[in-house]
Amino acid sequence: MSNLFAFFARFYRFFLFLLLEIISFYLVISYNRFQNVTFFDYAYEVSGKLFASYNNVALYFHLRQSNDSLLAENARLRSAQLSSLYIDTAKTKKLMDSIYKQKYEYIPARVVNNSVNKENNFITLDMGSDKKIGKDMGVVTSSGIVGITRSVSSHFTSVLSVLNENFIVSAQIKETGDIGSVYWDRKDPQFVILKDINVKSRIRKDSLYHVVTSPHSKIFPHGIPIGTIDHIEEKLGSKFLTIYVKLAEDLRNIQQVYIINNIMKEEQEKVEKIDKDK
């Protein structure tokens, strides 16, 4: 112990200088907007690169799982091609290619950081504005939804996870057509809650129901899987059911995702703004 005190007594000027430097740096960052923005932009880039390096090692041990996911996605995409469909000539006389218009584009990205055990969970992707990624784009896997993009730097993107108290998305029960909203109650990372479904809904507690994104979402295409209904609670006096949905995607193990760009989102928002301003 005496040696420790002697060490600090000998070098106390250095430690005092270091402490004052830290305090000065903190004050400059906190009270100067330009320095604050510059510092956090740089910190975000550095942390993203560190997470990417760490993830390279982790990804090596998940190659088989990632390959399985890619194969499943490839199968889904192949099934959606026109060559995998047929035309019922008894009902349709002519097919016009011009009816097919691009609305959504999918951009592959890799997860370099992820959290699931906090109240406000975020995911970091190795894709940024240099690849035309922006704010408020949907993020999914081949299994289901993951979140919505938030902060974007040149090479990295922060995603508001489904497991975040601020996340909410319009959802639909596929089998009945009922539309509500999905949010996380900050408890189990495998479950979310579907609200705003009337107690008079045609839902039967002994049947299997799939919850997907609704047609009302501007961020996600209609029909992206969210999960399956696990159990339903009906509170006395309430007009709405509390429905627990088991997520289709296990967010604890995601490695690769797709960022969804709604090409027509800006046009739709402009039209809706005109109606609001009238």
C-alpha atoms as a PDB file:
ATOM      1  CA  MET A   1       0.000   0.000   0.000  1.00  0.00           C
ATOM      2  CA  SER A   2       2.846   2.383   0.851  1.00  0.00           C
ATOM      3  CA  ASN A   3       4.353   1.749  -2.595  1.00  0.00           C
ATOM      4  CA  LEU A   4       1.050   2.732  -4.189  1.00  0.00           C
ATOM      5  CA  PHE A   5       0.918   6.010  -2.261  1.00  0.00           C
ATOM      6  CA  ALA A   6       4.534   6.695  -3.165  1.00  0.00           C
ATOM      7  CA  PHE A   7       3.729   6.097  -6.845  1.00  0.00           C
ATOM      8  CA  PHE A   8       0.853   8.590  -6.832  1.00  0.00           C
ATOM      9  CA  ALA A   9       2.891  11.099  -4.819  1.00  0.00           C
ATOM     10  CA  ARG A  10       5.634  10.915  -7.414  1.00  0.00           C
ATOM     11  CA  PHE A  11       3.416  11.252 -10.463  1.00  0.00           C
ATOM     12  CA  TYR A  12       0.511  13.299  -9.063  1.00  0.00           C
ATOM     13  CA  ARG A  13       1.233  16.187 -11.438  1.00  0.00           C
ATOM     14  CA  PHE A  14       0.727  13.890 -14.413  1.00  0.00           C
ATOM     15  CA  PHE A  15      -2.574  12.512 -13.081  1.00  0.00           C
ATOM     16  CA  LEU A  16      -3.774  16.020 -12.223  1.00  0.00           C
ATOM     17  CA  PHE A  17      -2.915  17.175 -15.743  1.00  0.00           C
ATOM     18  CA  LEU A  18      -4.727  14.154 -17.211  1.00  0.00           C
ATOM     19  CA  LEU A  19      -7.826  14.837 -15.104  1.00  0.00           C
ATOM     20  CA  LEU A  20      -7.940  18.494 -16.169  1.00  0.00           C
ATOM     21  CA  GLU A  21      -7.520  17.472 -19.817  1.00  0.00           C
ATOM     22  CA  ILE A  22     -10.469  15.087 -19.555  1.00  0.00           C
ATOM     23  CA  ILE A  23     -12.652  17.748 -17.926  1.00  0.00           C
ATOM     24  CA  SER A  24     -11.695  20.315 -20.586  1.00  0.00           C
ATOM     25  CA  PHE A  25     -12.409  17.836 -23.375  1.00  0.00           C
ATOM     26  CA  TYR A  26     -15.809  17.046 -21.858  1.00  0.00           C
ATOM     27  CA  LEU A  27     -16.738  20.741 -21.612  1.00  0.00           C
ATOM     28  CA  VAL A  28     -15.695  21.423 -25.216  1.00  0.00           C
ATOM     29  CA  ILE A  29     -17.742  18.487 -26.516  1.00  0.00           C
ATOM     30  CA  SER A  30     -20.795  19.248 -24.359  1.00  0.00           C
ATOM     31  CA  TYR A  31     -21.142  22.964 -25.028  1.00  0.00           C
ATOM     32  CA  ASN A  32     -20.006  23.323 -28.649  1.00  0.00           C
ATOM     33  CA  ARG A  33     -22.352  21.949 -31.302  1.00  0.00           C
ATOM     34  CA  PHE A  34     -19.752  21.577 -34.066  1.00  0.00           C
ATOM     35  CA  GLN A  35     -17.285  19.709 -31.842  1.00  0.00           C
ATOM     36  CA  ASN A  36     -20.133  17.592 -30.433  1.00  0.00           C
ATOM     37  CA  VAL A  37     -21.346  16.486 -33.877  1.00  0.00           C
ATOM     38  CA  THR A  38     -17.805  15.880 -35.147  1.00  0.00           C
ATOM     39  CA  PHE A  39     -16.839  13.822 -32.100  1.00  0.00           C
ATOM     40  CA  PHE A  40     -19.908  11.565 -32.165  1.00  0.00           C
ATOM     41  CA  ASP A  41     -19.714  11.070 -35.942  1.00  0.00           C
ATOM     42  CA  TYR A  42     -16.101   9.952 -35.556  1.00  0.00           C
ATOM     43  CA  ALA A  43     -16.931   7.805 -32.506  1.00  0.00           C
ATOM     44  CA  TYR A  44     -19.757   6.128 -34.395  1.00  0.00           C
ATOM     45  CA  GLU A  45     -17.474   5.310 -37.309  1.00  0.00           C
ATOM     46  CA  VAL A  46     -14.773   3.907 -34.989  1.00  0.00           C
ATOM     47  CA  SER A  47     -17.232   1.837 -32.930  1.00  0.00           C
ATOM     48  CA  GLY A  48     -18.799   0.511 -36.121  1.00  0.00           C
ATOM     49  CA  LYS A  49     -15.424  -0.650 -37.410  1.00  0.00           C
ATOM     50  CA  LEU A  50     -14.615  -2.300 -34.067  1.00  0.00           C
ATOM     51  CA  PHE A  51     -17.960  -4.094 -34.065  1.00  0.00           C
ATOM     52  CA  ALA A  52     -17.355  -5.177 -37.660  1.00  0.00           C
ATOM     53  CA  SER A  53     -13.971  -6.683 -36.731  1.00  0.00           C
ATOM     54  CA  TYR A  54     -15.473  -8.506 -33.781  1.00  0.00           C
ATOM     55  CA  ASN A  55     -18.358  -9.739 -35.896  1.00  0.00           C
ATOM     56  CA  ASN A  56     -15.993 -11.237 -38.482  1.00  0.00           C
ATOM     57  CA  VAL A  57     -14.860 -13.713 -35.855  1.00  0.00           C
ATOM     58  CA  ALA A  58     -18.402 -14.394 -34.612  1.00  0.00           C
ATOM     59  CA  LEU A  59     -19.698 -14.809 -38.157  1.00  0.00           C
ATOM     60  CA  TYR A  60     -17.141 -17.532 -38.841  1.00  0.00           C
ATOM     61  CA  PHE A  61     -18.823 -19.720 -36.220  1.00  0.00           C
ATOM     62  CA  HIS A  62     -22.286 -19.084 -37.672  1.00  0.00           C
ATOM     63  CA  LEU A  63     -21.523 -19.884 -41.301  1.00  0.00           C
ATOM     64  CA  ARG A  64     -23.773 -22.905 -41.448  1.00  0.00           C
ATOM     65  CA  GLN A  65     -26.717 -21.048 -39.918  1.00  0.00           C
ATOM     66  CA  SER A  66     -26.148 -18.058 -42.228  1.00  0.00           C
ATOM     67  CA  ASN A  67     -25.909 -20.296 -45.298  1.00  0.00           C
ATOM     68  CA  ASP A  68     -29.177 -21.985 -44.368  1.00  0.00           C
ATOM     69  CA  SER A  69     -30.821 -18.584 -44.084  1.00  0.00           C
ATOM     70  CA  LEU A  70     -29.472 -17.506 -47.483  1.00  0.00           C
ATOM     71  CA  LEU A  71     -30.679 -20.724 -49.099  1.00  0.00           C
ATOM     72  CA  ALA A  72     -34.157 -20.176 -47.683  1.00  0.00           C
ATOM     73  CA  GLU A  73     -34.189 -16.616 -48.989  1.00  0.00           C
ATOM     74  CA  ASN A  74     -33.022 -17.719 -52.427  1.00  0.00           C
ATOM     75  CA  ALA A  75     -35.785 -20.278 -52.524  1.00  0.00           C
ATOM     76  CA  ARG A  76     -38.361 -17.627 -51.629  1.00  0.00           C
ATOM     77  CA  LEU A  77     -37.087 -15.252 -54.313  1.00  0.00           C
ATOM     78  CA  ARG A  78     -37.059 -17.974 -56.948  1.00  0.00           C
ATOM     79  CA  SER A  79     -40.637 -18.828 -56.052  1.00  0.00           C
ATOM     80  CA  ALA A  80     -41.632 -15.216 -56.668  1.00  0.00           C
ATOM     81  CA  GLN A  81     -40.210 -15.136 -60.193  1.00  0.00           C
ATOM     82  CA  LEU A  82     -42.599 -15.198 -63.136  1.00  0.00           C
ATOM     83  CA  SER A  83     -40.934 -18.368 -64.371  1.00  0.00           C
ATOM     84  CA  SER A  84     -42.209 -20.114 -61.247  1.00  0.00           C
ATOM     85  CA  LEU A  85     -45.825 -19.016 -61.828  1.00  0.00           C
ATOM     86  CA  TYR A  86     -48.438 -19.918 -64.363  1.00  0.00           C
ATOM     87  CA  ILE A  87     -51.391 -18.194 -65.979  1.00  0.00           C
ATOM     88  CA  ASP A  88     -54.838 -19.668 -65.780  1.00  0.00           C
ATOM     89  CA  THR A  89     -55.758 -19.308 -69.473  1.00  0.00           C
ATOM     90  CA  ALA A  90     -59.337 -20.250 -68.727  1.00  0.00           C
ATOM     91  CA  LYS A  91     -59.756 -16.963 -66.869  1.00  0.00           C
ATOM     92  CA  THR A  92     -57.038 -14.695 -68.269  1.00  0.00           C
ATOM     93  CA  LYS A  93     -56.617 -14.051 -71.964  1.00  0.00           C
ATOM     94  CA  LYS A  94     -53.624 -11.745 -71.901  1.00  0.00           C
ATOM     95  CA  LEU A  95     -50.863 -10.806 -69.476  1.00  0.00           C
ATOM     96  CA  MET A  96     -49.382  -7.315 -69.760  1.00  0.00           C
ATOM     97  CA  ASP A  97     -45.844  -6.949 -68.408  1.00  0.00           C
ATOM     98  CA  SER A  98     -46.467  -3.240 -67.863  1.00  0.00           C
ATOM     99  CA  ILE A  99     -48.608  -3.978 -64.789  1.00  0.00           C
ATOM    100  CA  TYR A 100     -45.490  -4.985 -62.852  1.00  0.00           C
ATOM    101  CA  LYS A 101     -43.874  -1.940 -61.320  1.00  0.00           C
ATOM    102  CA  GLN A 102     -40.990  -1.768 -58.855  1.00  0.00           C
ATOM    103  CA  LYS A 103     -42.072  -0.369 -55.488  1.00  0.00           C
ATOM    104  CA  TYR A 104     -39.644  -1.904 -52.984  1.00  0.00           C
ATOM    105  CA  GLU A 105     -35.977  -2.726 -53.353  1.00  0.00           C
ATOM    106  CA  TYR A 106     -34.055  -5.014 -50.972  1.00  0.00           C
ATOM    107  CA  ILE A 107     -30.471  -4.190 -49.973  1.00  0.00           C
ATOM    108  CA  PRO A 108     -28.463  -6.936 -48.193  1.00  0.00           C
ATOM    109  CA  ALA A 109     -26.498  -5.959 -45.070  1.00  0.00           C
ATOM    110  CA  ARG A 110     -24.603  -7.622 -42.246  1.00  0.00           C
ATOM    111  CA  VAL A 111     -25.224  -7.217 -38.491  1.00  0.00           C
ATOM    112  CA  VAL A 112     -22.097  -6.024 -36.665  1.00  0.00           C
ATOM    113  CA  ASN A 113     -23.685  -5.301 -33.274  1.00  0.00           C
ATOM    114  CA  ASN A 114     -26.946  -6.277 -31.612  1.00  0.00           C
ATOM    115  CA  SER A 115     -28.654  -6.076 -28.212  1.00  0.00           C
ATOM    116  CA  VAL A 116     -31.809  -7.815 -26.957  1.00  0.00           C
ATOM    117  CA  ASN A 117     -31.754  -7.454 -23.158  1.00  0.00           C
ATOM    118  CA  LYS A 118     -32.302  -3.690 -22.795  1.00  0.00           C
ATOM    119  CA  GLU A 119     -35.448  -1.561 -22.789  1.00  0.00           C
ATOM    120  CA  ASN A 120     -34.225   0.250 -25.919  1.00  0.00           C
ATOM    121  CA  ASN A 121     -32.400  -2.228 -28.118  1.00  0.00           C
ATOM    122  CA  PHE A 122     -30.531  -1.242 -31.270  1.00  0.00           C
ATOM    123  CA  ILE A 123     -28.782  -3.080 -34.089  1.00  0.00           C
ATOM    124  CA  THR A 124     -25.766  -1.833 -36.072  1.00  0.00           C
ATOM    125  CA  LEU A 125     -25.398  -2.720 -39.772  1.00  0.00           C
ATOM    126  CA  ASP A 126     -22.303  -2.505 -41.994  1.00  0.00           C
ATOM    127  CA  MET A 127     -24.127  -0.394 -44.574  1.00  0.00           C
ATOM    128  CA  GLY A 128     -24.597   3.370 -44.702  1.00  0.00           C
ATOM    129  CA  SER A 129     -25.413   6.428 -46.760  1.00  0.00           C
ATOM    130  CA  ASP A 130     -22.719   5.505 -49.298  1.00  0.00           C
ATOM    131  CA  LYS A 131     -25.090   2.691 -50.351  1.00  0.00           C
ATOM    132  CA  LYS A 132     -28.122   5.018 -50.377  1.00  0.00           C
ATOM    133  CA  ILE A 133     -29.362   3.862 -46.981  1.00  0.00           C
ATOM    134  CA  GLY A 134     -31.502   6.460 -45.193  1.00  0.00           C
ATOM    135  CA  LYS A 135     -33.675   6.915 -42.125  1.00  0.00           C
ATOM    136  CA  ASP A 136     -37.000   5.090 -41.684  1.00  0.00           C
ATOM    137  CA  MET A 137     -36.336   2.092 -43.911  1.00  0.00           C
ATOM    138  CA  GLY A 138     -37.607  -1.349 -42.952  1.00  0.00           C
ATOM    139  CA  VAL A 139     -35.172  -4.088 -41.939  1.00  0.00           C
ATOM    140  CA  VAL A 140     -36.090  -7.776 -42.303  1.00  0.00           C
ATOM    141  CA  THR A 141     -34.636 -11.271 -42.627  1.00  0.00           C
ATOM    142  CA  SER A 142     -35.935 -14.167 -44.655  1.00  0.00           C
ATOM    143  CA  SER A 143     -38.031 -15.096 -41.597  1.00  0.00           C
ATOM    144  CA  GLY A 144     -39.585 -11.788 -40.549  1.00  0.00           C
ATOM    145  CA  ILE A 145     -39.248  -8.148 -39.493  1.00  0.00           C
ATOM    146  CA  VAL A 146     -36.263  -6.876 -37.506  1.00  0.00           C
ATOM    147  CA  GLY A 147     -36.641  -3.115 -37.129  1.00  0.00           C
ATOM    148  CA  ILE A 148     -36.457   0.339 -38.735  1.00  0.00           C
ATOM    149  CA  THR A 149     -33.341   2.312 -39.649  1.00  0.00           C
ATOM    150  CA  ARG A 150     -32.550   5.386 -37.561  1.00  0.00           C
ATOM    151  CA  SER A 151     -29.076   7.018 -37.448  1.00  0.00           C
ATOM    152  CA  VAL A 152     -26.990   6.654 -40.612  1.00  0.00           C
ATOM    153  CA  SER A 153     -23.310   7.433 -41.211  1.00  0.00           C
ATOM    154  CA  SER A 154     -21.300   6.883 -44.372  1.00  0.00           C
ATOM    155  CA  HIS A 155     -20.634   3.192 -43.712  1.00  0.00           C
ATOM    156  CA  PHE A 156     -22.895   2.151 -40.816  1.00  0.00           C
ATOM    157  CA  THR A 157     -26.575   2.262 -39.872  1.00  0.00           C
ATOM    158  CA  SER A 158     -28.256   2.083 -36.480  1.00  0.00           C
ATOM    159  CA  VAL A 159     -31.544   0.166 -36.462  1.00  0.00           C
ATOM    160  CA  LEU A 160     -34.412   0.660 -34.005  1.00  0.00           C
ATOM    161  CA  SER A 161     -35.029  -2.973 -33.094  1.00  0.00           C
ATOM    162  CA  VAL A 162     -38.451  -4.582 -32.759  1.00  0.00           C
ATOM    163  CA  LEU A 163     -37.285  -5.078 -29.160  1.00  0.00           C
ATOM    164  CA  ASN A 164     -37.401  -1.351 -28.429  1.00  0.00           C
ATOM    165  CA  GLU A 165     -40.106   0.431 -26.455  1.00  0.00           C
ATOM    166  CA  ASN A 166     -40.311   3.096 -29.199  1.00  0.00           C
ATOM    167  CA  PHE A 167     -40.938   0.580 -31.999  1.00  0.00           C
ATOM    168  CA  ILE A 168     -44.459   0.211 -33.338  1.00  0.00           C
ATOM    169  CA  VAL A 169     -45.738  -1.133 -36.651  1.00  0.00           C
ATOM    170  CA  SER A 170     -49.146  -1.599 -38.242  1.00  0.00           C
ATOM    171  CA  ALA A 171     -49.982  -5.316 -38.302  1.00  0.00           C
ATOM    172  CA  GLN A 172     -52.678  -7.608 -39.622  1.00  0.00           C
ATOM    173  CA  ILE A 173     -53.938 -11.054 -38.665  1.00  0.00           C
ATOM    174  CA  LYS A 174     -53.569 -12.879 -41.951  1.00  0.00           C
ATOM    175  CA  GLU A 175     -56.455 -15.315 -41.499  1.00  0.00           C
ATOM    176  CA  THR A 176     -59.097 -12.800 -40.301  1.00  0.00           C
ATOM    177  CA  GLY A 177     -57.956  -9.483 -41.802  1.00  0.00           C
ATOM    178  CA  ASP A 178     -58.080  -7.701 -38.416  1.00  0.00           C
ATOM    179  CA  ILE A 179     -55.648  -4.768 -38.250  1.00  0.00           C
ATOM    180  CA  GLY A 180     -53.876  -3.500 -35.146  1.00  0.00           C
ATOM    181  CA  SER A 181     -50.460  -2.373 -33.920  1.00  0.00           C
ATOM    182  CA  VAL A 182     -47.494  -4.386 -32.673  1.00  0.00           C
ATOM    183  CA  TYR A 183     -45.186  -3.213 -29.900  1.00  0.00           C
ATOM    184  CA  TRP A 184     -42.785  -4.723 -27.355  1.00  0.00           C
ATOM    185  CA  ASP A 185     -43.619  -4.739 -23.636  1.00  0.00           C
ATOM    186  CA  ARG A 186     -39.904  -4.856 -22.606  1.00  0.00           C
ATOM    187  CA  LYS A 187     -40.166  -8.376 -21.179  1.00  0.00           C
ATOM    188  CA  ASP A 188     -39.471 -11.469 -23.286  1.00  0.00           C
ATOM    189  CA  PRO A 189     -37.310 -10.939 -26.430  1.00  0.00           C
ATOM    190  CA  GLN A 190     -39.265 -13.695 -28.191  1.00  0.00           C
ATOM    191  CA  PHE A 191     -42.684 -12.036 -27.878  1.00  0.00           C
ATOM    192  CA  VAL A 192     -44.428  -8.813 -28.880  1.00  0.00           C
ATOM    193  CA  ILE A 193     -47.984  -7.617 -28.236  1.00  0.00           C
ATOM    194  CA  LEU A 194     -50.675  -7.010 -30.836  1.00  0.00           C
ATOM    195  CA  LYS A 195     -53.172  -4.373 -29.674  1.00  0.00           C
ATOM    196  CA  ASP A 196     -56.321  -2.653 -31.013  1.00  0.00           C
ATOM    197  CA  ILE A 197     -58.029  -5.936 -31.973  1.00  0.00           C
ATOM    198  CA  ASN A 198     -61.699  -5.809 -30.963  1.00  0.00           C
ATOM    199  CA  VAL A 199     -63.062  -8.453 -28.592  1.00  0.00           C
ATOM    200  CA  LYS A 200     -65.704  -9.171 -31.249  1.00  0.00           C
ATOM    201  CA  SER A 201     -63.015 -10.401 -33.650  1.00  0.00           C
ATOM    202  CA  ARG A 202     -63.470 -13.827 -35.235  1.00  0.00           C
ATOM    203  CA  ILE A 203     -60.306 -15.120 -33.558  1.00  0.00           C
ATOM    204  CA  ARG A 204     -60.612 -18.557 -31.962  1.00  0.00           C
ATOM    205  CA  LYS A 205     -58.201 -19.395 -29.167  1.00  0.00           C
ATOM    206  CA  ASP A 206     -57.653 -22.965 -30.397  1.00  0.00           C
ATOM    207  CA  SER A 207     -56.537 -22.001 -33.945  1.00  0.00           C
ATOM    208  CA  LEU A 208     -53.210 -20.992 -35.490  1.00  0.00           C
ATOM    209  CA  TYR A 209     -52.992 -17.391 -36.690  1.00  0.00           C
ATOM    210  CA  HIS A 210     -50.180 -15.572 -38.466  1.00  0.00           C
ATOM    211  CA  VAL A 211     -49.468 -11.891 -37.869  1.00  0.00           C
ATOM    212  CA  VAL A 212     -47.972  -9.948 -40.785  1.00  0.00           C
ATOM    213  CA  THR A 213     -47.335  -6.318 -41.712  1.00  0.00           C
ATOM    214  CA  SER A 214     -50.517  -4.561 -42.806  1.00  0.00           C
ATOM    215  CA  PRO A 215     -51.264  -2.682 -46.063  1.00  0.00           C
ATOM    216  CA  HIS A 216     -51.161   0.589 -44.059  1.00  0.00           C
ATOM    217  CA  SER A 217     -47.399   0.564 -43.506  1.00  0.00           C
ATOM    218  CA  LYS A 218     -45.244   2.847 -45.661  1.00  0.00           C
ATOM    219  CA  ILE A 219     -42.062   1.210 -44.385  1.00  0.00           C
ATOM    220  CA  PHE A 220     -42.757  -2.511 -44.816  1.00  0.00           C
ATOM    221  CA  PRO A 221     -44.444  -4.244 -47.754  1.00  0.00           C
ATOM    222  CA  HIS A 222     -47.748  -5.882 -46.956  1.00  0.00           C
ATOM    223  CA  GLY A 223     -47.467  -9.460 -45.721  1.00  0.00           C
ATOM    224  CA  ILE A 224     -43.981  -9.520 -44.161  1.00  0.00           C
ATOM    225  CA  PRO A 225     -44.130 -12.105 -41.316  1.00  0.00           C
ATOM    226  CA  ILE A 226     -44.107 -10.769 -37.765  1.00  0.00           C
ATOM    227  CA  GLY A 227     -44.994 -13.948 -35.903  1.00  0.00           C
ATOM    228  CA  THR A 228     -47.754 -16.296 -34.767  1.00  0.00           C
ATOM    229  CA  ILE A 229     -50.334 -15.742 -32.038  1.00  0.00           C
ATOM    230  CA  ASP A 230     -49.226 -17.541 -28.883  1.00  0.00           C
ATOM    231  CA  HIS A 231     -52.023 -16.688 -26.468  1.00  0.00           C
ATOM    232  CA  ILE A 232     -54.802 -14.134 -25.959  1.00  0.00           C
ATOM    233  CA  GLU A 233     -55.874 -12.234 -22.860  1.00  0.00           C
ATOM    234  CA  GLU A 234     -59.318 -10.672 -22.518  1.00  0.00           C
ATOM    235  CA  LYS A 235     -59.533  -8.115 -19.721  1.00  0.00           C
ATOM    236  CA  LEU A 236     -62.874  -7.516 -18.030  1.00  0.00           C
ATOM    237  CA  GLY A 237     -64.560  -4.372 -19.328  1.00  0.00           C
ATOM    238  CA  SER A 238     -62.046  -3.800 -22.155  1.00  0.00           C
ATOM    239  CA  LYS A 239     -63.180  -3.517 -25.778  1.00  0.00           C
ATOM    240  CA  PHE A 240     -59.856  -4.829 -27.057  1.00  0.00           C
ATOM    241  CA  LEU A 241     -57.889  -8.039 -26.752  1.00  0.00           C
ATOM    242  CA  THR A 242     -54.288  -8.290 -25.564  1.00  0.00           C
ATOM    243  CA  ILE A 243     -52.638 -10.694 -28.008  1.00  0.00           C
ATOM    244  CA  TYR A 244     -49.164 -12.132 -27.438  1.00  0.00           C
ATOM    245  CA  VAL A 245     -47.286 -12.862 -30.658  1.00  0.00           C
ATOM    246  CA  LYS A 246     -44.218 -15.086 -30.853  1.00  0.00           C
ATOM    247  CA  LEU A 247     -41.759 -13.449 -33.236  1.00  0.00           C
ATOM    248  CA  ALA A 248     -41.025 -15.269 -36.486  1.00  0.00           C
ATOM    249  CA  GLU A 249     -37.371 -14.200 -36.263  1.00  0.00           C
ATOM    250  CA  ASP A 250     -35.222 -14.889 -33.201  1.00  0.00           C
ATOM    251  CA  LEU A 251     -33.502 -11.503 -32.885  1.00  0.00           C
ATOM    252  CA  ARG A 252     -30.865 -12.960 -30.560  1.00  0.00           C
ATOM    253  CA  ASN A 253     -29.190 -14.792 -33.440  1.00  0.00           C
ATOM    254  CA  ILE A 254     -29.516 -12.573 -36.510  1.00  0.00           C
ATOM    255  CA  GLN A 255     -26.415 -12.226 -38.695  1.00  0.00           C
ATOM    256  CA  GLN A 256     -27.649 -11.023 -42.073  1.00  0.00           C
ATOM    257  CA  VAL A 257     -30.596  -8.786 -42.968  1.00  0.00           C
ATOM    258  CA  TYR A 258     -32.245  -6.916 -45.843  1.00  0.00           C
ATOM    259  CA  ILE A 259     -32.908  -3.178 -45.787  1.00  0.00           C
ATOM    260  CA  ILE A 260     -36.142  -2.280 -47.603  1.00  0.00           C
ATOM    261  CA  ASN A 261     -36.358   0.926 -49.584  1.00  0.00           C
ATOM    262  CA  ASN A 262     -39.889   2.025 -50.481  1.00  0.00           C
ATOM    263  CA  ILE A 263     -39.234   3.864 -53.743  1.00  0.00           C
ATOM    264  CA  MET A 264     -42.690   5.486 -53.668  1.00  0.00           C
ATOM    265  CA  LYS A 265     -42.626   6.525 -49.985  1.00  0.00           C
ATOM    266  CA  GLU A 266     -41.637  10.143 -50.624  1.00  0.00           C
ATOM    267  CA  GLU A 267     -44.306  10.557 -53.305  1.00  0.00           C
ATOM    268  CA  GLN A 268     -46.971   9.123 -50.996  1.00  0.00           C
ATOM    269  CA  GLU A 269     -45.957  11.418 -48.134  1.00  0.00           C
ATOM    270  CA  LYS A 270     -46.153  14.477 -50.400  1.00  0.00           C
ATOM    271  CA  VAL A 271     -49.705  13.594 -51.434  1.00  0.00           C
ATOM    272  CA  GLU A 272     -50.760  12.974 -47.828  1.00  0.00           C
ATOM    273  CA  LYS A 273     -49.204  16.288 -46.733  1.00  0.00           C
ATOM    274  CA  ILE A 274     -51.241  18.163 -49.355  1.00  0.00           C
ATOM    275  CA  ASP A 275     -54.446  16.660 -47.910  1.00  0.00           C
ATOM    276  CA  LYS A 276     -53.417  17.582 -44.355  1.00  0.00           C
ATOM    277  CA  ASP A 277     -52.663  21.181 -45.335  1.00  0.00           C
ATOM    278  CA  LYS A 278     -56.079  21.701 -46.949  1.00  0.00           C
END
